[in-house]
Amino acid sequence: MLIELGEDAAIRHVAEHLTVSHGASHTPDADKAAVASARATLKTVPVRSYVPVLVERRARRILSEHACGV
């Protein structure tokens, strides 16, 4: 079953997913901050279909860089 979410709902889902899947390695606030930062870099992208996927990838990268001390 295909469920289409609005971009805001999809972004919230990304933050929740990061918290559930990596809760031991960083806080929910860190997840939300990484998601917000990643989303801000994509605010001018005209095609919005893949924004949630790109936000998740960038947020994971941000979180891994902070975990490694980069």
PDB file of N, CA and C in Angstrom:
ATOM      1  N   MET A   1       0.841  -1.166   0.000  1.00  0.00           N
ATOM      2  CA  MET A   1       0.000   0.000   0.000  1.00  0.00           C
ATOM      3  C   MET A   1       0.894   1.239   0.000  1.00  0.00           C
ATOM      4  N   LEU A   2       0.661   2.129  -0.904  1.00  0.00           N
ATOM      5  CA  LEU A   2       1.430   3.360  -1.018  1.00  0.00           C
ATOM      6  C   LEU A   2       0.734   4.460  -0.228  1.00  0.00           C
ATOM      7  N   ILE A   3       1.478   5.046   0.671  1.00  0.00           N
ATOM      8  CA  ILE A   3       0.945   6.152   1.453  1.00  0.00           C
ATOM      9  C   ILE A   3       1.778   7.380   1.121  1.00  0.00           C
ATOM     10  N   GLU A   4       1.129   8.392   0.598  1.00  0.00           N
ATOM     11  CA  GLU A   4       1.833   9.628   0.299  1.00  0.00           C
ATOM     12  C   GLU A   4       1.720  10.566   1.485  1.00  0.00           C
ATOM     13  N   LEU A   5       2.858  11.027   1.934  1.00  0.00           N
ATOM     14  CA  LEU A   5       2.888  11.967   3.035  1.00  0.00           C
ATOM     15  C   LEU A   5       3.264  13.331   2.499  1.00  0.00           C
ATOM     16  N   GLY A   6       2.809  14.356   3.163  1.00  0.00           N
ATOM     17  CA  GLY A   6       3.280  15.680   2.829  1.00  0.00           C
ATOM     18  C   GLY A   6       4.746  15.778   3.225  1.00  0.00           C
ATOM     19  N   GLU A   7       5.430  16.751   2.682  1.00  0.00           N
ATOM     20  CA  GLU A   7       6.862  16.893   2.967  1.00  0.00           C
ATOM     21  C   GLU A   7       7.122  17.062   4.461  1.00  0.00           C
ATOM     22  N   ASP A   8       6.328  17.888   5.134  1.00  0.00           N
ATOM     23  CA  ASP A   8       6.537  18.107   6.567  1.00  0.00           C
ATOM     24  C   ASP A   8       6.381  16.810   7.352  1.00  0.00           C
ATOM     25  N   ALA A   9       5.354  16.037   7.034  1.00  0.00           N
ATOM     26  CA  ALA A   9       5.130  14.766   7.717  1.00  0.00           C
ATOM     27  C   ALA A   9       6.263  13.786   7.423  1.00  0.00           C
ATOM     28  N   ALA A  10       6.737  13.777   6.197  1.00  0.00           N
ATOM     29  CA  ALA A  10       7.838  12.888   5.828  1.00  0.00           C
ATOM     30  C   ALA A  10       9.117  13.271   6.568  1.00  0.00           C
ATOM     31  N   ILE A  11       9.350  14.564   6.733  1.00  0.00           N
ATOM     32  CA  ILE A  11      10.535  15.026   7.453  1.00  0.00           C
ATOM     33  C   ILE A  11      10.434  14.653   8.933  1.00  0.00           C
ATOM     34  N   ARG A  12       9.252  14.787   9.522  1.00  0.00           N
ATOM     35  CA  ARG A  12       9.059  14.352  10.908  1.00  0.00           C
ATOM     36  C   ARG A  12       9.332  12.859  11.044  1.00  0.00           C
ATOM     37  N   HIS A  13       8.881  12.096  10.065  1.00  0.00           N
ATOM     38  CA  HIS A  13       9.127  10.654  10.067  1.00  0.00           C
ATOM     39  C   HIS A  13      10.628  10.365  10.007  1.00  0.00           C
ATOM     40  N   VAL A  14      11.362  11.123   9.216  1.00  0.00           N
ATOM     41  CA  VAL A  14      12.816  10.954   9.123  1.00  0.00           C
ATOM     42  C   VAL A  14      13.449  11.164  10.494  1.00  0.00           C
ATOM     43  N   ALA A  15      13.074  12.240  11.175  1.00  0.00           N
ATOM     44  CA  ALA A  15      13.636  12.526  12.500  1.00  0.00           C
ATOM     45  C   ALA A  15      13.300  11.409  13.487  1.00  0.00           C
ATOM     46  N   GLU A  16      12.062  10.940  13.453  1.00  0.00           N
ATOM     47  CA  GLU A  16      11.652   9.851  14.344  1.00  0.00           C
ATOM     48  C   GLU A  16      12.417   8.574  14.032  1.00  0.00           C
ATOM     49  N   HIS A  17      12.595   8.292  12.763  1.00  0.00           N
ATOM     50  CA  HIS A  17      13.321   7.094  12.350  1.00  0.00           C
ATOM     51  C   HIS A  17      14.775   7.150  12.821  1.00  0.00           C
ATOM     52  N   LEU A  18      15.404   8.304  12.688  1.00  0.00           N
ATOM     53  CA  LEU A  18      16.783   8.444  13.157  1.00  0.00           C
ATOM     54  C   LEU A  18      16.863   8.224  14.664  1.00  0.00           C
ATOM     55  N   THR A  19      15.904   8.749  15.398  1.00  0.00           N
ATOM     56  CA  THR A  19      15.904   8.592  16.848  1.00  0.00           C
ATOM     57  C   THR A  19      15.741   7.128  17.237  1.00  0.00           C
ATOM     58  N   VAL A  20      14.846   6.433  16.578  1.00  0.00           N
ATOM     59  CA  VAL A  20      14.605   5.019  16.890  1.00  0.00           C
ATOM     60  C   VAL A  20      15.800   4.156  16.489  1.00  0.00           C
ATOM     61  N   SER A  21      16.346   4.401  15.318  1.00  0.00           N
ATOM     62  CA  SER A  21      17.409   3.530  14.819  1.00  0.00           C
ATOM     63  C   SER A  21      18.780   3.824  15.424  1.00  0.00           C
ATOM     64  N   HIS A  22      18.995   5.045  15.914  1.00  0.00           N
ATOM     65  CA  HIS A  22      20.307   5.396  16.461  1.00  0.00           C
ATOM     66  C   HIS A  22      20.190   6.111  17.795  1.00  0.00           C
ATOM     67  N   GLY A  23      19.174   5.790  18.566  1.00  0.00           N
ATOM     68  CA  GLY A  23      18.917   6.485  19.819  1.00  0.00           C
ATOM     69  C   GLY A  23      20.043   6.409  20.824  1.00  0.00           C
ATOM     70  N   ALA A  24      20.802   5.341  20.808  1.00  0.00           N
ATOM     71  CA  ALA A  24      21.881   5.185  21.783  1.00  0.00           C
ATOM     72  C   ALA A  24      23.092   6.052  21.454  1.00  0.00           C
ATOM     73  N   SER A  25      23.259   6.397  20.196  1.00  0.00           N
ATOM     74  CA  SER A  25      24.461   7.131  19.811  1.00  0.00           C
ATOM     75  C   SER A  25      24.301   8.644  19.819  1.00  0.00           C
ATOM     76  N   HIS A  26      23.068   9.146  19.799  1.00  0.00           N
ATOM     77  CA  HIS A  26      22.827  10.585  19.894  1.00  0.00           C
ATOM     78  C   HIS A  26      21.417  10.851  20.379  1.00  0.00           C
ATOM     79  N   THR A  27      21.184  12.068  20.812  1.00  0.00           N
ATOM     80  CA  THR A  27      19.900  12.433  21.423  1.00  0.00           C
ATOM     81  C   THR A  27      18.855  12.789  20.365  1.00  0.00           C
ATOM     82  N   PRO A  28      17.582  12.746  20.742  1.00  0.00           N
ATOM     83  CA  PRO A  28      16.532  13.187  19.814  1.00  0.00           C
ATOM     84  C   PRO A  28      16.721  14.646  19.381  1.00  0.00           C
ATOM     85  N   ASP A  29      17.227  15.482  20.284  1.00  0.00           N
ATOM     86  CA  ASP A  29      17.485  16.879  19.911  1.00  0.00           C
ATOM     87  C   ASP A  29      18.563  16.975  18.844  1.00  0.00           C
ATOM     88  N   ALA A  30      19.587  16.137  18.947  1.00  0.00           N
ATOM     89  CA  ALA A  30      20.641  16.122  17.931  1.00  0.00           C
ATOM     90  C   ALA A  30      20.075  15.655  16.593  1.00  0.00           C
ATOM     91  N   ASP A  31      19.182  14.671  16.635  1.00  0.00           N
ATOM     92  CA  ASP A  31      18.540  14.191  15.408  1.00  0.00           C
ATOM     93  C   ASP A  31      17.741  15.311  14.750  1.00  0.00           C
ATOM     94  N   LYS A  32      16.939  15.998  15.558  1.00  0.00           N
ATOM     95  CA  LYS A  32      16.108  17.082  15.027  1.00  0.00           C
ATOM     96  C   LYS A  32      16.965  18.215  14.472  1.00  0.00           C
ATOM     97  N   ALA A  33      18.047  18.535  15.153  1.00  0.00           N
ATOM     98  CA  ALA A  33      18.942  19.598  14.678  1.00  0.00           C
ATOM     99  C   ALA A  33      19.598  19.206  13.361  1.00  0.00           C
ATOM    100  N   ALA A  34      20.023  17.952  13.244  1.00  0.00           N
ATOM    101  CA  ALA A  34      20.646  17.486  12.006  1.00  0.00           C
ATOM    102  C   ALA A  34      19.646  17.507  10.858  1.00  0.00           C
ATOM    103  N   VAL A  35      18.421  17.099  11.132  1.00  0.00           N
ATOM    104  CA  VAL A  35      17.374  17.107  10.111  1.00  0.00           C
ATOM    105  C   VAL A  35      17.070  18.548   9.688  1.00  0.00           C
ATOM    106  N   ALA A  36      16.955  19.449  10.647  1.00  0.00           N
ATOM    107  CA  ALA A  36      16.685  20.853  10.328  1.00  0.00           C
ATOM    108  C   ALA A  36      17.809  21.456   9.498  1.00  0.00           C
ATOM    109  N   SER A  37      19.039  21.151   9.866  1.00  0.00           N
ATOM    110  CA  SER A  37      20.187  21.659   9.123  1.00  0.00           C
ATOM    111  C   SER A  37      20.204  21.110   7.701  1.00  0.00           C
ATOM    112  N   ALA A  38      19.961  19.816   7.579  1.00  0.00           N
ATOM    113  CA  ALA A  38      19.940  19.191   6.254  1.00  0.00           C
ATOM    114  C   ALA A  38      18.812  19.753   5.395  1.00  0.00           C
ATOM    115  N   ARG A  39      17.657  19.959   6.000  1.00  0.00           N
ATOM    116  CA  ARG A  39      16.521  20.486   5.252  1.00  0.00           C
ATOM    117  C   ARG A  39      16.779  21.917   4.797  1.00  0.00           C
ATOM    118  N   ALA A  40      17.437  22.695   5.634  1.00  0.00           N
ATOM    119  CA  ALA A  40      17.726  24.087   5.287  1.00  0.00           C
ATOM    120  C   ALA A  40      18.596  24.186   4.034  1.00  0.00           C
ATOM    121  N   THR A  41      19.478  23.212   3.840  1.00  0.00           N
ATOM    122  CA  THR A  41      20.342  23.248   2.657  1.00  0.00           C
ATOM    123  C   THR A  41      19.575  22.958   1.376  1.00  0.00           C
ATOM    124  N   LEU A  42      18.361  22.409   1.513  1.00  0.00           N
ATOM    125  CA  LEU A  42      17.559  22.028   0.347  1.00  0.00           C
ATOM    126  C   LEU A  42      16.330  22.907   0.155  1.00  0.00           C
ATOM    127  N   LYS A  43      16.271  24.037   0.861  1.00  0.00           N
ATOM    128  CA  LYS A  43      15.047  24.842   0.829  1.00  0.00           C
ATOM    129  C   LYS A  43      14.747  25.456  -0.537  1.00  0.00           C
ATOM    130  N   THR A  44      15.742  25.623  -1.384  1.00  0.00           N
ATOM    131  CA  THR A  44      15.509  26.248  -2.692  1.00  0.00           C
ATOM    132  C   THR A  44      15.399  25.235  -3.831  1.00  0.00           C
ATOM    133  N   VAL A  45      15.459  23.962  -3.518  1.00  0.00           N
ATOM    134  CA  VAL A  45      15.348  22.932  -4.551  1.00  0.00           C
ATOM    135  C   VAL A  45      13.930  22.964  -5.116  1.00  0.00           C
ATOM    136  N   PRO A  46      13.789  23.134  -6.439  1.00  0.00           N
ATOM    137  CA  PRO A  46      12.448  23.267  -7.005  1.00  0.00           C
ATOM    138  C   PRO A  46      11.638  21.963  -7.029  1.00  0.00           C
ATOM    139  N   VAL A  47      12.275  20.847  -7.228  1.00  0.00           N
ATOM    140  CA  VAL A  47      11.584  19.558  -7.262  1.00  0.00           C
ATOM    141  C   VAL A  47      11.665  18.962  -5.860  1.00  0.00           C
ATOM    142  N   ARG A  48      10.530  18.824  -5.199  1.00  0.00           N
ATOM    143  CA  ARG A  48      10.491  18.467  -3.787  1.00  0.00           C
ATOM    144  C   ARG A  48      10.312  16.968  -3.532  1.00  0.00           C
ATOM    145  N   SER A  49      10.128  16.174  -4.564  1.00  0.00           N
ATOM    146  CA  SER A  49       9.803  14.756  -4.398  1.00  0.00           C
ATOM    147  C   SER A  49      10.819  13.982  -3.567  1.00  0.00           C
ATOM    148  N   TYR A  50      12.088  14.262  -3.759  1.00  0.00           N
ATOM    149  CA  TYR A  50      13.126  13.484  -3.105  1.00  0.00           C
ATOM    150  C   TYR A  50      13.726  14.185  -1.886  1.00  0.00           C
ATOM    151  N   VAL A  51      13.168  15.301  -1.494  1.00  0.00           N
ATOM    152  CA  VAL A  51      13.718  16.055  -0.369  1.00  0.00           C
ATOM    153  C   VAL A  51      13.795  15.215   0.907  1.00  0.00           C
ATOM    154  N   PRO A  52      12.761  14.480   1.301  1.00  0.00           N
ATOM    155  CA  PRO A  52      12.883  13.680   2.530  1.00  0.00           C
ATOM    156  C   PRO A  52      14.031  12.668   2.485  1.00  0.00           C
ATOM    157  N   VAL A  53      14.232  12.036   1.353  1.00  0.00           N
ATOM    158  CA  VAL A  53      15.329  11.069   1.214  1.00  0.00           C
ATOM    159  C   VAL A  53      16.675  11.782   1.329  1.00  0.00           C
ATOM    160  N   LEU A  54      16.802  12.909   0.653  1.00  0.00           N
ATOM    161  CA  LEU A  54      18.045  13.667   0.699  1.00  0.00           C
ATOM    162  C   LEU A  54      18.303  14.226   2.093  1.00  0.00           C
ATOM    163  N   VAL A  55      17.248  14.654   2.768  1.00  0.00           N
ATOM    164  CA  VAL A  55      17.388  15.150   4.134  1.00  0.00           C
ATOM    165  C   VAL A  55      17.900  14.040   5.045  1.00  0.00           C
ATOM    166  N   GLU A  56      17.337  12.851   4.898  1.00  0.00           N
ATOM    167  CA  GLU A  56      17.782  11.738   5.743  1.00  0.00           C
ATOM    168  C   GLU A  56      19.253  11.422   5.496  1.00  0.00           C
ATOM    169  N   ARG A  57      19.665  11.382   4.250  1.00  0.00           N
ATOM    170  CA  ARG A  57      21.069  11.099   3.942  1.00  0.00           C
ATOM    171  C   ARG A  57      21.999  12.159   4.524  1.00  0.00           C
ATOM    172  N   ARG A  58      21.637  13.431   4.348  1.00  0.00           N
ATOM    173  CA  ARG A  58      22.479  14.514   4.873  1.00  0.00           C
ATOM    174  C   ARG A  58      22.489  14.505   6.396  1.00  0.00           C
ATOM    175  N   ALA A  59      21.354  14.254   7.007  1.00  0.00           N
ATOM    176  CA  ALA A  59      21.285  14.225   8.469  1.00  0.00           C
ATOM    177  C   ALA A  59      22.148  13.091   9.021  1.00  0.00           C
ATOM    178  N   ARG A  60      22.092  11.932   8.391  1.00  0.00           N
ATOM    179  CA  ARG A  60      22.953  10.814   8.822  1.00  0.00           C
ATOM    180  C   ARG A  60      24.426  11.191   8.705  1.00  0.00           C
ATOM    181  N   ARG A  61      24.784  11.878   7.624  1.00  0.00           N
ATOM    182  CA  ARG A  61      26.160  12.310   7.422  1.00  0.00           C
ATOM    183  C   ARG A  61      26.568  13.303   8.514  1.00  0.00           C
ATOM    184  N   ILE A  62      25.698  14.244   8.810  1.00  0.00           N
ATOM    185  CA  ILE A  62      25.966  15.233   9.861  1.00  0.00           C
ATOM    186  C   ILE A  62      26.178  14.531  11.204  1.00  0.00           C
ATOM    187  N   LEU A  63      25.291  13.620  11.524  1.00  0.00           N
ATOM    188  CA  LEU A  63      25.387  12.911  12.801  1.00  0.00           C
ATOM    189  C   LEU A  63      26.641  12.040  12.879  1.00  0.00           C
ATOM    190  N   SER A  64      27.002  11.396  11.789  1.00  0.00           N
ATOM    191  CA  SER A  64      28.201  10.566  11.813  1.00  0.00           C
ATOM    192  C   SER A  64      29.462  11.414  11.920  1.00  0.00           C
ATOM    193  N   GLU A  65      29.471  12.594  11.297  1.00  0.00           N
ATOM    194  CA  GLU A  65      30.622  13.483  11.418  1.00  0.00           C
ATOM    195  C   GLU A  65      30.787  13.987  12.842  1.00  0.00           C
ATOM    196  N   HIS A  66      29.669  14.285  13.501  1.00  0.00           N
ATOM    197  CA  HIS A  66      29.740  14.740  14.892  1.00  0.00           C
ATOM    198  C   HIS A  66      30.163  13.609  15.815  1.00  0.00           C
ATOM    199  N   ALA A  67      29.744  12.390  15.508  1.00  0.00           N
ATOM    200  CA  ALA A  67      30.117  11.239  16.337  1.00  0.00           C
ATOM    201  C   ALA A  67      31.607  10.924  16.215  1.00  0.00           C
ATOM    202  N   CYS A  68      32.152  11.200  15.026  1.00  0.00           N
ATOM    203  CA  CYS A  68      33.575  10.942  14.788  1.00  0.00           C
ATOM    204  C   CYS A  68      34.438  12.105  15.226  1.00  0.00           C
ATOM    205  N   GLY A  69      33.818  13.212  15.582  1.00  0.00           N
ATOM    206  CA  GLY A  69      34.570  14.375  16.018  1.00  0.00           C
ATOM    207  C   GLY A  69      35.141  15.202  14.889  1.00  0.00           C
ATOM    208  N   VAL A  70      34.548  15.086  13.697  1.00  0.00           N
ATOM    209  CA  VAL A  70      35.032  15.839  12.545  1.00  0.00           C
ATOM    210  C   VAL A  70      34.563  17.260  12.618  1.00  0.00           C
TER     211      VAL A  70
END
